[in-house]
Amino acid sequence: MEFIDAALSAPFAPLVERILAEAQVIDDRIIKIDHFLNHRIDSGLMHAIGAELARRVAPFAPDLVLTAEASGIPPALTTALALGVPLVYAKKYAPLTELPAYSRIVPSPTRGGEYRLAVARAVLPSGARVALIDDFLANGGTAAALAEIVAEAGARLVAAGFVVEKTFQPGRARLAAHGPPPLVVLAQVARLTGGRVVMEAVP
């Protein structure tokens, strides 16, 4: 089953332009845009990102936005503000930490090792209509873990939105195993080659 509407992943020009102009590529594997996205945050751009994500997920009527700390919080918060709904973020703990919460152990490809994502039961009610929002969709480990937590809580994942998708990695397919939800993406990176970013072609 394919995600329902390719228009949901149409390029968001202000973001794509910044990526093409400013991204650093490391070993043709890693794209660094943390100087405006998730370490030093361009607040004006982030406001626009949240508004655009909210516009695209609004038709699915979420009543809650879910993300993971820490880099998912800025786009998720601006999206939640634009939608007028609460934000819940999964907290990260050492993998051996046992908690009275919904949790999953997730590998960390960028930092190595593993961590536990946990969401307190009280903040993710059964029956909630959830939009998952995060900064990157790459390998899909975090997204899949959050989707599993939503299902365990008896809530419904109505949409998943990402600022950037690396389409050459398996995140989309991994998330598709959980529904799939309608997928919203603002910028799709087709490959990293020769120290530069190649975006997906616009249909």
C-alpha atoms as a PDB file:
ATOM      1  CA  MET A   1       0.000   0.000   0.000  1.00  0.00           C
ATOM      2  CA  GLU A   2       1.381   3.413  -0.977  1.00  0.00           C
ATOM      3  CA  PHE A   3       0.978   6.614   0.978  1.00  0.00           C
ATOM      4  CA  ILE A   4      -2.212   8.234  -0.220  1.00  0.00           C
ATOM      5  CA  ASP A   5      -1.181  11.514  -1.820  1.00  0.00           C
ATOM      6  CA  ALA A   6       2.144  12.440  -3.406  1.00  0.00           C
ATOM      7  CA  ALA A   7       1.180  16.120  -3.102  1.00  0.00           C
ATOM      8  CA  LEU A   8       1.684  15.778   0.646  1.00  0.00           C
ATOM      9  CA  SER A   9       5.408  15.552  -0.089  1.00  0.00           C
ATOM     10  CA  ALA A  10       5.605  18.468  -2.519  1.00  0.00           C
ATOM     11  CA  PRO A  11       8.811  20.498  -1.989  1.00  0.00           C
ATOM     12  CA  PHE A  12       8.533  23.433   0.409  1.00  0.00           C
ATOM     13  CA  ALA A  13      10.578  26.010  -1.465  1.00  0.00           C
ATOM     14  CA  PRO A  14      11.980  28.074   1.454  1.00  0.00           C
ATOM     15  CA  LEU A  15      13.386  24.933   3.049  1.00  0.00           C
ATOM     16  CA  VAL A  16      14.698  23.356  -0.164  1.00  0.00           C
ATOM     17  CA  GLU A  17      16.484  26.580  -1.082  1.00  0.00           C
ATOM     18  CA  ARG A  18      18.232  26.698   2.299  1.00  0.00           C
ATOM     19  CA  ILE A  19      19.288  23.055   2.024  1.00  0.00           C
ATOM     20  CA  LEU A  20      20.748  23.495  -1.455  1.00  0.00           C
ATOM     21  CA  ALA A  21      22.535  26.711  -0.497  1.00  0.00           C
ATOM     22  CA  GLU A  22      23.845  25.822   2.949  1.00  0.00           C
ATOM     23  CA  ALA A  23      23.902  22.065   3.639  1.00  0.00           C
ATOM     24  CA  GLN A  24      27.195  20.374   4.463  1.00  0.00           C
ATOM     25  CA  VAL A  25      27.658  16.817   3.203  1.00  0.00           C
ATOM     26  CA  ILE A  26      29.925  14.459   5.144  1.00  0.00           C
ATOM     27  CA  ASP A  27      31.257  11.308   3.448  1.00  0.00           C
ATOM     28  CA  ASP A  28      28.234  11.321   1.109  1.00  0.00           C
ATOM     29  CA  ARG A  29      26.256   9.835   4.029  1.00  0.00           C
ATOM     30  CA  ILE A  30      25.329  12.663   6.366  1.00  0.00           C
ATOM     31  CA  ILE A  31      23.634  15.959   5.592  1.00  0.00           C
ATOM     32  CA  LYS A  32      24.278  18.670   8.174  1.00  0.00           C
ATOM     33  CA  ILE A  33      21.744  21.476   8.373  1.00  0.00           C
ATOM     34  CA  ASP A  34      21.787  21.786  12.144  1.00  0.00           C
ATOM     35  CA  HIS A  35      22.892  25.439  11.929  1.00  0.00           C
ATOM     36  CA  PHE A  36      19.321  26.390  10.999  1.00  0.00           C
ATOM     37  CA  LEU A  37      17.158  23.335  11.769  1.00  0.00           C
ATOM     38  CA  ASN A  38      17.911  21.661  15.078  1.00  0.00           C
ATOM     39  CA  HIS A  39      20.921  23.077  16.916  1.00  0.00           C
ATOM     40  CA  ARG A  40      20.912  26.762  16.035  1.00  0.00           C
ATOM     41  CA  ILE A  41      17.316  27.223  14.944  1.00  0.00           C
ATOM     42  CA  ASP A  42      16.186  29.836  12.444  1.00  0.00           C
ATOM     43  CA  SER A  43      12.984  30.789  14.252  1.00  0.00           C
ATOM     44  CA  GLY A  44      11.380  32.435  11.227  1.00  0.00           C
ATOM     45  CA  LEU A  45      11.978  29.400   9.035  1.00  0.00           C
ATOM     46  CA  MET A  46      10.848  27.054  11.799  1.00  0.00           C
ATOM     47  CA  HIS A  47       7.629  29.030  12.183  1.00  0.00           C
ATOM     48  CA  ALA A  48       7.032  28.629   8.435  1.00  0.00           C
ATOM     49  CA  ILE A  49       7.879  24.912   8.585  1.00  0.00           C
ATOM     50  CA  GLY A  50       5.371  24.354  11.373  1.00  0.00           C
ATOM     51  CA  ALA A  51       2.669  26.281   9.527  1.00  0.00           C
ATOM     52  CA  GLU A  52       3.250  24.243   6.359  1.00  0.00           C
ATOM     53  CA  LEU A  53       3.298  20.901   8.172  1.00  0.00           C
ATOM     54  CA  ALA A  54       0.114  21.901   9.982  1.00  0.00           C
ATOM     55  CA  ARG A  55      -1.565  22.871   6.708  1.00  0.00           C
ATOM     56  CA  ARG A  56      -0.782  19.486   5.218  1.00  0.00           C
ATOM     57  CA  VAL A  57      -1.782  17.341   8.225  1.00  0.00           C
ATOM     58  CA  ALA A  58      -4.865  19.376   9.196  1.00  0.00           C
ATOM     59  CA  PRO A  59      -7.213  17.451   6.837  1.00  0.00           C
ATOM     60  CA  PHE A  60      -6.527  14.320   8.906  1.00  0.00           C
ATOM     61  CA  ALA A  61      -7.874  16.067  12.032  1.00  0.00           C
ATOM     62  CA  PRO A  62      -5.183  15.222  14.596  1.00  0.00           C
ATOM     63  CA  ASP A  63      -5.934  16.185  18.165  1.00  0.00           C
ATOM     64  CA  LEU A  64      -2.381  15.626  19.389  1.00  0.00           C
ATOM     65  CA  VAL A  65       1.156  15.941  17.979  1.00  0.00           C
ATOM     66  CA  LEU A  66       3.801  13.394  19.007  1.00  0.00           C
ATOM     67  CA  THR A  67       7.573  13.602  18.545  1.00  0.00           C
ATOM     68  CA  ALA A  68      10.832  12.526  20.201  1.00  0.00           C
ATOM     69  CA  GLU A  69      13.294  14.705  22.044  1.00  0.00           C
ATOM     70  CA  ALA A  70      15.274  16.690  21.270  1.00  0.00           C
ATOM     71  CA  SER A  71      15.542  17.666  17.623  1.00  0.00           C
ATOM     72  CA  GLY A  72      11.934  16.771  16.845  1.00  0.00           C
ATOM     73  CA  ILE A  73      10.588  19.283  19.339  1.00  0.00           C
ATOM     74  CA  PRO A  74      11.001  22.532  17.337  1.00  0.00           C
ATOM     75  CA  PRO A  75       9.065  21.442  14.222  1.00  0.00           C
ATOM     76  CA  ALA A  76       6.549  19.512  16.305  1.00  0.00           C
ATOM     77  CA  LEU A  77       5.917  22.477  18.589  1.00  0.00           C
ATOM     78  CA  THR A  78       5.398  24.963  15.760  1.00  0.00           C
ATOM     79  CA  THR A  79       3.104  22.437  14.054  1.00  0.00           C
ATOM     80  CA  ALA A  80       1.102  21.902  17.240  1.00  0.00           C
ATOM     81  CA  LEU A  81       0.814  25.658  17.762  1.00  0.00           C
ATOM     82  CA  ALA A  82      -0.471  26.121  14.223  1.00  0.00           C
ATOM     83  CA  LEU A  83      -2.988  23.303  14.696  1.00  0.00           C
ATOM     84  CA  GLY A  84      -4.001  24.455  18.173  1.00  0.00           C
ATOM     85  CA  VAL A  85      -3.429  21.016  19.713  1.00  0.00           C
ATOM     86  CA  PRO A  86      -1.164  19.676  22.491  1.00  0.00           C
ATOM     87  CA  LEU A  87       2.364  18.417  21.884  1.00  0.00           C
ATOM     88  CA  VAL A  88       3.687  15.253  23.535  1.00  0.00           C
ATOM     89  CA  TYR A  89       7.332  14.303  23.186  1.00  0.00           C
ATOM     90  CA  ALA A  90       8.878  10.946  23.942  1.00  0.00           C
ATOM     91  CA  LYS A  91      11.756  11.238  26.392  1.00  0.00           C
ATOM     92  CA  LYS A  92      15.067   9.465  25.878  1.00  0.00           C
ATOM     93  CA  TYR A  93      16.594   7.296  28.574  1.00  0.00           C
ATOM     94  CA  ALA A  94      19.405   4.779  28.881  1.00  0.00           C
ATOM     95  CA  PRO A  95      18.255   1.520  27.243  1.00  0.00           C
ATOM     96  CA  LEU A  96      18.215  -0.486  30.483  1.00  0.00           C
ATOM     97  CA  THR A  97      15.955   2.006  32.265  1.00  0.00           C
ATOM     98  CA  GLU A  98      12.588   0.395  32.998  1.00  0.00           C
ATOM     99  CA  LEU A  99       9.723   2.845  33.262  1.00  0.00           C
ATOM    100  CA  PRO A 100       5.980   2.727  33.948  1.00  0.00           C
ATOM    101  CA  ALA A 101       5.328   4.062  30.459  1.00  0.00           C
ATOM    102  CA  TYR A 102       4.964   3.088  26.824  1.00  0.00           C
ATOM    103  CA  SER A 103       8.521   2.575  25.615  1.00  0.00           C
ATOM    104  CA  ARG A 104      10.709   1.141  22.875  1.00  0.00           C
ATOM    105  CA  ILE A 105      14.465   0.680  22.480  1.00  0.00           C
ATOM    106  CA  VAL A 106      15.778   2.430  19.372  1.00  0.00           C
ATOM    107  CA  PRO A 107      19.216   2.216  17.729  1.00  0.00           C
ATOM    108  CA  SER A 108      21.045   5.490  17.104  1.00  0.00           C
ATOM    109  CA  PRO A 109      22.780   5.366  13.698  1.00  0.00           C
ATOM    110  CA  THR A 110      24.361   8.822  14.069  1.00  0.00           C
ATOM    111  CA  ARG A 111      25.678   8.414  17.626  1.00  0.00           C
ATOM    112  CA  GLY A 112      25.957   4.657  17.920  1.00  0.00           C
ATOM    113  CA  GLY A 113      24.436   2.560  20.677  1.00  0.00           C
ATOM    114  CA  GLU A 114      20.798   2.499  21.684  1.00  0.00           C
ATOM    115  CA  TYR A 115      18.351   4.518  23.753  1.00  0.00           C
ATOM    116  CA  ARG A 116      14.883   4.002  25.181  1.00  0.00           C
ATOM    117  CA  LEU A 117      12.010   6.225  24.015  1.00  0.00           C
ATOM    118  CA  ALA A 118       9.289   6.567  26.641  1.00  0.00           C
ATOM    119  CA  VAL A 119       5.891   8.265  26.786  1.00  0.00           C
ATOM    120  CA  ALA A 120       3.956   8.422  30.060  1.00  0.00           C
ATOM    121  CA  ARG A 121       0.615   6.670  29.780  1.00  0.00           C
ATOM    122  CA  ALA A 122      -1.251   9.658  31.159  1.00  0.00           C
ATOM    123  CA  VAL A 123      -0.242  11.985  28.301  1.00  0.00           C
ATOM    124  CA  LEU A 124      -1.152   9.677  25.394  1.00  0.00           C
ATOM    125  CA  PRO A 125      -4.801   8.745  25.857  1.00  0.00           C
ATOM    126  CA  SER A 126      -6.538   5.860  24.172  1.00  0.00           C
ATOM    127  CA  GLY A 127      -8.530   7.058  21.178  1.00  0.00           C
ATOM    128  CA  ALA A 128      -6.329  10.085  20.477  1.00  0.00           C
ATOM    129  CA  ARG A 129      -5.814  11.025  16.830  1.00  0.00           C
ATOM    130  CA  VAL A 130      -2.053  11.476  16.588  1.00  0.00           C
ATOM    131  CA  ALA A 131       0.149  13.262  14.061  1.00  0.00           C
ATOM    132  CA  LEU A 132       3.760  12.137  14.326  1.00  0.00           C
ATOM    133  CA  ILE A 133       6.131  15.031  13.509  1.00  0.00           C
ATOM    134  CA  ASP A 134       9.945  14.838  13.370  1.00  0.00           C
ATOM    135  CA  ASP A 135      12.877  16.589  11.745  1.00  0.00           C
ATOM    136  CA  PHE A 136      14.273  13.682   9.669  1.00  0.00           C
ATOM    137  CA  LEU A 137      12.980  10.442   8.186  1.00  0.00           C
ATOM    138  CA  ALA A 138      16.019   8.311   7.327  1.00  0.00           C
ATOM    139  CA  ASN A 139      16.332   4.778   8.712  1.00  0.00           C
ATOM    140  CA  GLY A 140      12.936   5.083  10.356  1.00  0.00           C
ATOM    141  CA  GLY A 141      13.802   3.608  13.748  1.00  0.00           C
ATOM    142  CA  THR A 142      12.409   6.492  15.788  1.00  0.00           C
ATOM    143  CA  ALA A 143       9.310   6.866  13.605  1.00  0.00           C
ATOM    144  CA  ALA A 144       8.548   3.148  13.790  1.00  0.00           C
ATOM    145  CA  ALA A 145       9.023   3.122  17.568  1.00  0.00           C
ATOM    146  CA  LEU A 146       6.652   6.073  17.976  1.00  0.00           C
ATOM    147  CA  ALA A 147       4.095   4.384  15.711  1.00  0.00           C
ATOM    148  CA  GLU A 148       4.277   1.269  17.889  1.00  0.00           C
ATOM    149  CA  ILE A 149       3.807   3.363  21.024  1.00  0.00           C
ATOM    150  CA  VAL A 150       0.724   5.014  19.496  1.00  0.00           C
ATOM    151  CA  ALA A 151      -0.751   1.606  18.690  1.00  0.00           C
ATOM    152  CA  GLU A 152       0.046   0.231  22.159  1.00  0.00           C
ATOM    153  CA  ALA A 153      -1.721   3.207  23.724  1.00  0.00           C
ATOM    154  CA  GLY A 154      -4.861   2.469  21.755  1.00  0.00           C
ATOM    155  CA  ALA A 155      -4.502   5.763  19.884  1.00  0.00           C
ATOM    156  CA  ARG A 156      -4.596   6.211  16.107  1.00  0.00           C
ATOM    157  CA  LEU A 157      -1.731   7.466  13.951  1.00  0.00           C
ATOM    158  CA  VAL A 158      -3.580   9.619  11.401  1.00  0.00           C
ATOM    159  CA  ALA A 159      -0.534  11.241   9.717  1.00  0.00           C
ATOM    160  CA  ALA A 160       3.248  11.388   9.904  1.00  0.00           C
ATOM    161  CA  GLY A 161       5.125  14.542   8.942  1.00  0.00           C
ATOM    162  CA  PHE A 162       8.844  15.157   8.467  1.00  0.00           C
ATOM    163  CA  VAL A 163      10.883  18.216   7.634  1.00  0.00           C
ATOM    164  CA  VAL A 164      13.396  16.226   5.547  1.00  0.00           C
ATOM    165  CA  GLU A 165      13.262  12.698   4.130  1.00  0.00           C
ATOM    166  CA  LYS A 166      16.372  10.896   2.890  1.00  0.00           C
ATOM    167  CA  THR A 167      14.628   8.787   0.264  1.00  0.00           C
ATOM    168  CA  PHE A 168      17.691   6.619  -0.312  1.00  0.00           C
ATOM    169  CA  GLN A 169      17.290   5.168   3.175  1.00  0.00           C
ATOM    170  CA  PRO A 170      14.562   2.733   4.308  1.00  0.00           C
ATOM    171  CA  GLY A 171      12.557   4.981   6.648  1.00  0.00           C
ATOM    172  CA  ARG A 172       9.494   5.240   4.403  1.00  0.00           C
ATOM    173  CA  ALA A 173       9.245   1.485   3.948  1.00  0.00           C
ATOM    174  CA  ARG A 174       9.769   0.880   7.655  1.00  0.00           C
ATOM    175  CA  LEU A 175       7.011   3.305   8.590  1.00  0.00           C
ATOM    176  CA  ALA A 176       4.734   1.789   5.925  1.00  0.00           C
ATOM    177  CA  ALA A 177       4.651  -1.386   8.000  1.00  0.00           C
ATOM    178  CA  HIS A 178       2.579   0.561  10.536  1.00  0.00           C
ATOM    179  CA  GLY A 179      -0.503   1.322   8.476  1.00  0.00           C
ATOM    180  CA  PRO A 180       0.773   3.194   6.602  1.00  0.00           C
ATOM    181  CA  PRO A 181      -0.261   6.684   7.711  1.00  0.00           C
ATOM    182  CA  PRO A 182      -0.443   9.519   5.171  1.00  0.00           C
ATOM    183  CA  LEU A 183       3.116  10.822   4.888  1.00  0.00           C
ATOM    184  CA  VAL A 184       3.908  14.537   4.772  1.00  0.00           C
ATOM    185  CA  VAL A 185       7.434  15.633   3.796  1.00  0.00           C
ATOM    186  CA  LEU A 186       8.688  19.143   3.063  1.00  0.00           C
ATOM    187  CA  ALA A 187      12.034  18.268   1.408  1.00  0.00           C
ATOM    188  CA  GLN A 188      13.196  14.965  -0.089  1.00  0.00           C
ATOM    189  CA  VAL A 189      16.894  14.247  -0.520  1.00  0.00           C
ATOM    190  CA  ALA A 190      17.483  11.712  -3.305  1.00  0.00           C
ATOM    191  CA  ARG A 191      21.199  11.237  -2.676  1.00  0.00           C
ATOM    192  CA  LEU A 192      24.381  12.785  -1.378  1.00  0.00           C
ATOM    193  CA  THR A 193      27.148  12.638  -3.945  1.00  0.00           C
ATOM    194  CA  GLY A 194      30.417  14.424  -4.539  1.00  0.00           C
ATOM    195  CA  GLY A 195      29.863  16.556  -1.468  1.00  0.00           C
ATOM    196  CA  ARG A 196      26.556  17.932  -2.690  1.00  0.00           C
ATOM    197  CA  VAL A 197      22.863  17.382  -2.068  1.00  0.00           C
ATOM    198  CA  VAL A 198      20.645  16.075  -4.871  1.00  0.00           C
ATOM    199  CA  MET A 199      16.950  16.644  -4.240  1.00  0.00           C
ATOM    200  CA  GLU A 200      14.171  14.467  -5.617  1.00  0.00           C
ATOM    201  CA  ALA A 201      12.907  15.695  -8.971  1.00  0.00           C
ATOM    202  CA  VAL A 202       9.614  17.570  -8.872  1.00  0.00           C
ATOM    203  CA  PRO A 203       6.934  15.608 -10.804  1.00  0.00           C
END
